[in-house]
């Protein structure tokens, strides 16, 4: 299982749920094979399928196979085996680069392959009759995570320079994985259907993130050419106000720097 999946599995296990976790990195578990998806769901007979598996790079073939084809296989297997509820992990990338904080009502405008694949999967999912929940995650970080916060703190702890693409004025919002679990607890408790942003709602520039880390341990940073199809402004909030994040970015950084 991946970063969020492992944390979610552990959280639900502590709550006493019967679970089946799938690690897509194992060749025999690859969901691009419909028989794999169908056999797993047919044998376990779940009340809900939480589909988190994805490739987050911008390689067209990887996104087609790992994201689109695998997701359709999961949905088809759920349909065939009459799974009543499917939860899909989408992404802030579906909004593309906007100049304001976006909500669930904002238009989508993906600018890269990954965001486009996520939006396409959302659209496909809407054609099925099972109960549907779509969660658009912003930049999730925390123990054993990936992404800017985890990478930057790792570099500082190990006396390595932080590599920044562009001038560092790009804006993101960062949400701790424990707050993702908190939001998902609400989803399960209320059996929420529909579309929800899962985020902190706090816009932070990349250079600000570096400064926060430097307050704990100073180090060097290097500036590299901006990546192709880089999203400049990405910050989400949810109009529903179902859950208030509890872990600030400052606290999250302190935890990772220990």
Protein backbone atom coordinates (compact mmCIF):
# COMPACT_ATOMS: atom_id res chain seq x y z
CA UNK A 1 0.00 0.00 0.00
CA UNK A 2 1.01 3.58 -0.50
CA UNK A 3 1.54 6.42 1.96
CA UNK A 4 -2.10 7.40 2.60
CA UNK A 5 -3.33 3.81 2.24
CA UNK A 6 -1.02 2.49 4.95
CA UNK A 7 -2.06 5.20 7.41
CA UNK A 8 -5.74 4.68 6.60
CA UNK A 9 -5.44 0.91 6.94
CA UNK A 10 -3.85 1.23 10.38
CA UNK A 11 -6.46 3.74 11.50
CA UNK A 12 -9.40 1.59 10.39
CA UNK A 13 -7.82 -1.55 11.84
CA UNK A 14 -7.63 0.12 15.25
CA UNK A 15 -11.35 0.87 14.93
CA UNK A 16 -12.08 -2.83 14.49
CA UNK A 17 -12.97 -2.94 10.79
CA UNK A 18 -12.36 -6.05 8.70
CA UNK A 19 -9.95 -4.98 5.96
CA UNK A 20 -8.25 -6.13 2.78
CA UNK A 21 -5.33 -4.00 1.63
CA UNK A 22 -3.86 -4.21 -1.88
CA UNK A 23 -0.30 -3.21 -2.75
CA UNK A 24 -0.24 -2.29 -6.44
CA UNK A 25 3.56 -2.48 -6.47
CA UNK A 26 3.34 -6.26 -6.38
CA UNK A 27 2.97 -7.54 -9.98
CA UNK A 28 0.30 -10.10 -9.04
CA UNK A 29 -1.83 -7.31 -7.55
CA UNK A 30 -1.69 -4.94 -10.52
CA UNK A 31 -5.16 -3.52 -11.05
CA UNK A 32 -4.57 -2.93 -14.76
CA UNK A 33 -5.55 -6.61 -15.02
CA UNK A 34 -9.34 -6.84 -14.59
CA UNK A 35 -9.11 -10.42 -13.34
CA UNK A 36 -6.95 -9.25 -10.44
CA UNK A 37 -9.40 -6.52 -9.39
CA UNK A 38 -12.40 -8.77 -9.83
CA UNK A 39 -10.93 -11.74 -7.95
CA UNK A 40 -9.96 -9.61 -4.96
CA UNK A 41 -13.39 -7.98 -4.71
CA UNK A 42 -15.28 -11.19 -5.44
CA UNK A 43 -13.48 -13.09 -2.69
CA UNK A 44 -13.55 -10.36 -0.01
CA UNK A 45 -17.09 -9.06 -0.68
CA UNK A 46 -16.52 -5.56 0.76
CA UNK A 47 -19.19 -3.11 1.86
CA UNK A 48 -17.00 -0.27 0.60
CA UNK A 49 -13.99 -0.03 -1.70
CA UNK A 50 -11.52 2.81 -1.09
CA UNK A 51 -9.55 3.34 -4.29
CA UNK A 52 -6.33 5.21 -3.51
CA UNK A 53 -3.91 3.56 -5.95
CA UNK A 54 -2.41 5.90 -8.56
CA UNK A 55 0.70 7.04 -10.39
CA UNK A 56 1.46 10.72 -9.82
CA UNK A 57 4.04 11.36 -12.53
CA UNK A 58 3.27 12.98 -15.89
CA UNK A 59 4.11 10.06 -18.14
CA UNK A 60 1.15 9.54 -20.48
CA UNK A 61 1.41 5.74 -20.63
CA UNK A 62 1.82 5.35 -16.86
CA UNK A 63 -1.23 7.50 -16.22
CA UNK A 64 -3.29 5.64 -18.80
CA UNK A 65 -2.47 2.19 -17.42
CA UNK A 66 -1.97 2.83 -13.70
CA UNK A 67 -4.67 5.46 -13.27
CA UNK A 68 -7.37 5.24 -15.94
CA UNK A 69 -7.36 1.54 -16.87
CA UNK A 70 -6.82 0.38 -13.29
CA UNK A 71 -9.63 2.62 -12.01
CA UNK A 72 -12.08 1.41 -14.65
CA UNK A 73 -11.21 -2.16 -13.70
CA UNK A 74 -11.92 -1.42 -10.05
CA UNK A 75 -15.24 0.23 -10.92
CA UNK A 76 -16.25 -2.62 -13.22
CA UNK A 77 -15.38 -5.20 -10.57
CA UNK A 78 -17.42 -3.25 -8.01
CA UNK A 79 -20.34 -3.15 -10.42
CA UNK A 80 -20.12 -6.86 -11.20
CA UNK A 81 -19.94 -7.81 -7.51
CA UNK A 82 -22.58 -5.29 -6.40
CA UNK A 83 -20.33 -3.28 -4.07
CA UNK A 84 -22.64 -0.61 -2.64
CA UNK A 85 -20.13 2.20 -2.05
CA UNK A 86 -16.87 3.30 -3.68
CA UNK A 87 -14.57 6.07 -2.42
CA UNK A 88 -12.11 7.47 -4.96
CA UNK A 89 -8.99 9.51 -4.16
CA UNK A 90 -8.75 12.33 -6.67
CA UNK A 91 -6.39 15.30 -6.53
CA UNK A 92 -6.05 19.07 -6.35
CA UNK A 93 -4.38 18.70 -9.75
CA UNK A 94 -7.82 18.62 -11.42
CA UNK A 95 -8.13 22.37 -10.71
CA UNK A 96 -4.87 23.16 -12.46
CA UNK A 97 -3.21 26.47 -11.67
CA UNK A 98 -5.62 29.14 -10.44
CA UNK A 99 -5.06 32.52 -8.85
CA UNK A 100 -7.34 31.99 -5.86
CA UNK A 101 -8.36 29.45 -3.25
CA UNK A 102 -10.80 27.03 -4.87
CA UNK A 103 -13.81 25.14 -3.51
CA UNK A 104 -15.80 22.21 -4.81
CA UNK A 105 -17.81 24.67 -6.93
CA UNK A 106 -14.75 25.96 -8.78
CA UNK A 107 -14.12 25.00 -12.39
CA UNK A 108 -11.59 22.28 -13.10
CA UNK A 109 -8.77 23.02 -15.53
CA UNK A 110 -6.01 20.40 -15.33
CA UNK A 111 -2.76 21.42 -17.04
CA UNK A 112 -0.81 18.17 -16.74
CA UNK A 113 -1.34 14.50 -17.54
CA UNK A 114 -1.82 13.45 -13.92
CA UNK A 115 -4.57 16.02 -13.27
CA UNK A 116 -6.24 15.17 -16.57
CA UNK A 117 -6.27 11.46 -15.70
CA UNK A 118 -7.86 12.16 -12.33
CA UNK A 119 -10.59 14.32 -13.84
CA UNK A 120 -11.29 11.69 -16.49
CA UNK A 121 -11.62 9.00 -13.81
CA UNK A 122 -14.03 11.21 -11.85
CA UNK A 123 -16.18 11.57 -14.96
CA UNK A 124 -16.14 7.84 -15.64
CA UNK A 125 -17.03 7.09 -12.03
CA UNK A 126 -20.16 9.22 -12.28
CA UNK A 127 -21.61 6.81 -14.86
CA UNK A 128 -21.87 3.96 -12.32
CA UNK A 129 -24.84 3.29 -10.04
CA UNK A 130 -23.03 2.48 -6.79
CA UNK A 131 -22.80 5.19 -4.10
CA UNK A 132 -19.87 7.48 -4.93
CA UNK A 133 -17.54 9.65 -2.85
CA UNK A 134 -14.76 11.63 -4.52
CA UNK A 135 -12.04 13.15 -2.32
CA UNK A 136 -9.76 15.73 -3.91
CA UNK A 137 -6.61 15.69 -1.78
CA UNK A 138 -4.24 18.63 -1.73
CA UNK A 139 -0.56 18.08 -0.82
CA UNK A 140 -0.62 15.40 1.87
CA UNK A 141 2.46 14.97 4.06
CA UNK A 142 3.46 13.23 7.28
CA UNK A 143 5.30 10.15 8.53
CA UNK A 144 6.62 8.07 5.58
CA UNK A 145 5.17 10.54 3.10
CA UNK A 146 6.48 12.07 -0.08
CA UNK A 147 6.20 15.51 -1.59
CA UNK A 148 7.78 18.84 -0.74
CA UNK A 149 7.38 18.87 3.05
CA UNK A 150 8.77 15.37 3.50
CA UNK A 151 11.55 15.88 0.95
CA UNK A 152 12.63 19.26 2.31
CA UNK A 153 12.73 18.14 5.94
CA UNK A 154 14.65 15.01 4.93
CA UNK A 155 17.23 17.16 3.16
CA UNK A 156 17.70 19.44 6.17
CA UNK A 157 18.00 16.54 8.62
CA UNK A 158 20.63 14.93 6.42
CA UNK A 159 22.59 18.13 5.64
CA UNK A 160 21.61 18.09 1.99
CA UNK A 161 20.62 21.20 -0.02
CA UNK A 162 16.93 21.70 -0.70
CA UNK A 163 16.25 21.82 -4.44
CA UNK A 164 13.62 24.41 -5.43
CA UNK A 165 12.18 24.53 -8.94
CA UNK A 166 11.57 28.03 -10.26
CA UNK A 167 11.88 30.99 -7.89
CA UNK A 168 9.98 29.34 -5.04
CA UNK A 169 6.99 31.68 -5.17
CA UNK A 170 4.68 28.82 -6.19
CA UNK A 171 1.78 28.40 -3.77
CA UNK A 172 0.51 25.16 -2.27
CA UNK A 173 -1.57 24.10 0.68
CA UNK A 174 -0.26 21.24 2.78
CA UNK A 175 -2.46 18.92 4.84
CA UNK A 176 -1.14 16.44 7.38
CA UNK A 177 -2.06 12.80 6.84
CA UNK A 178 -3.63 12.66 10.32
CA UNK A 179 -6.06 15.37 9.24
CA UNK A 180 -6.83 13.36 6.11
CA UNK A 181 -7.71 10.45 8.40
CA UNK A 182 -9.84 12.78 10.52
CA UNK A 183 -11.79 13.91 7.46
CA UNK A 184 -12.25 10.34 6.31
CA UNK A 185 -13.59 9.37 9.74
CA UNK A 186 -16.32 11.95 9.10
CA UNK A 187 -16.96 10.45 5.66
CA UNK A 188 -17.46 7.00 7.18
CA UNK A 189 -19.51 8.21 10.15
CA UNK A 190 -21.89 10.25 7.99
CA UNK A 191 -21.67 7.93 4.96
CA UNK A 192 -21.02 11.00 2.84
CA UNK A 193 -21.52 10.84 -0.89
CA UNK A 194 -20.47 13.45 -3.44
CA UNK A 195 -17.35 15.53 -4.00
CA UNK A 196 -15.14 16.97 -1.25
CA UNK A 197 -11.87 18.87 -1.09
CA UNK A 198 -9.50 17.58 1.60
CA UNK A 199 -6.96 20.26 2.44
CA UNK A 200 -5.73 22.83 4.95
CA UNK A 201 -6.99 25.85 3.04
CA UNK A 202 -3.80 27.74 3.97
CA UNK A 203 -1.75 29.06 1.00
CA UNK A 204 2.01 28.77 1.51
CA UNK A 205 4.79 29.69 -0.89
CA UNK A 206 7.57 27.16 -1.36
CA UNK A 207 10.16 29.67 -0.11
CA UNK A 208 8.01 30.17 3.01
CA UNK A 209 8.08 26.44 3.60
CA UNK A 210 11.88 26.51 3.41
CA UNK A 211 12.01 29.40 5.87
CA UNK A 212 9.87 27.49 8.34
CA UNK A 213 12.24 24.54 8.17
CA UNK A 214 15.29 26.83 8.44
CA UNK A 215 13.97 28.12 11.79
CA UNK A 216 14.59 24.63 13.14
CA UNK A 217 17.77 23.83 11.21
CA UNK A 218 19.46 26.09 8.70
CA UNK A 219 20.91 24.79 5.45
CA UNK A 220 21.50 25.53 1.79
CA UNK A 221 18.94 25.69 -1.01
CA UNK A 222 19.46 25.58 -4.77
CA UNK A 223 17.18 26.92 -7.48
CA UNK A 224 16.55 24.88 -10.61
CA UNK A 225 14.63 25.52 -13.81
CA UNK A 226 10.86 25.27 -13.39
CA UNK A 227 9.45 21.85 -14.28
CA UNK A 228 7.28 21.54 -17.37
CA UNK A 229 3.54 21.86 -16.65
CA UNK A 230 4.30 23.05 -13.11
CA UNK A 231 1.19 24.25 -11.24
CA UNK A 232 1.92 27.74 -9.87
CA UNK A 233 -1.05 28.32 -7.52
CA UNK A 234 -2.87 25.44 -5.83
CA UNK A 235 -4.85 25.94 -2.64
CA UNK A 236 -8.15 24.27 -1.75
CA UNK A 237 -10.79 24.58 0.91
CA UNK A 238 -14.10 22.81 1.38
CA UNK A 239 -17.36 24.72 1.36
CA UNK A 240 -18.93 22.11 3.64
CA UNK A 241 -16.83 22.74 6.77
CA UNK A 242 -17.20 19.16 7.93
CA UNK A 243 -13.77 18.95 9.54
CA UNK A 244 -11.28 21.52 10.84
CA UNK A 245 -7.61 20.49 10.39
CA UNK A 246 -5.84 20.16 13.73
CA UNK A 247 -2.16 20.02 12.73
CA UNK A 248 -0.62 23.27 11.48
CA UNK A 249 2.21 23.21 8.97
CA UNK A 250 4.56 24.45 11.71
CA UNK A 251 3.67 21.53 13.98
CA UNK A 252 3.88 19.09 11.09
CA UNK A 253 7.39 20.30 10.23
CA UNK A 254 8.49 20.01 13.85
CA UNK A 255 7.30 16.39 13.94
CA UNK A 256 9.25 15.50 10.81
CA UNK A 257 12.39 17.27 11.99
CA UNK A 258 12.63 15.27 15.22
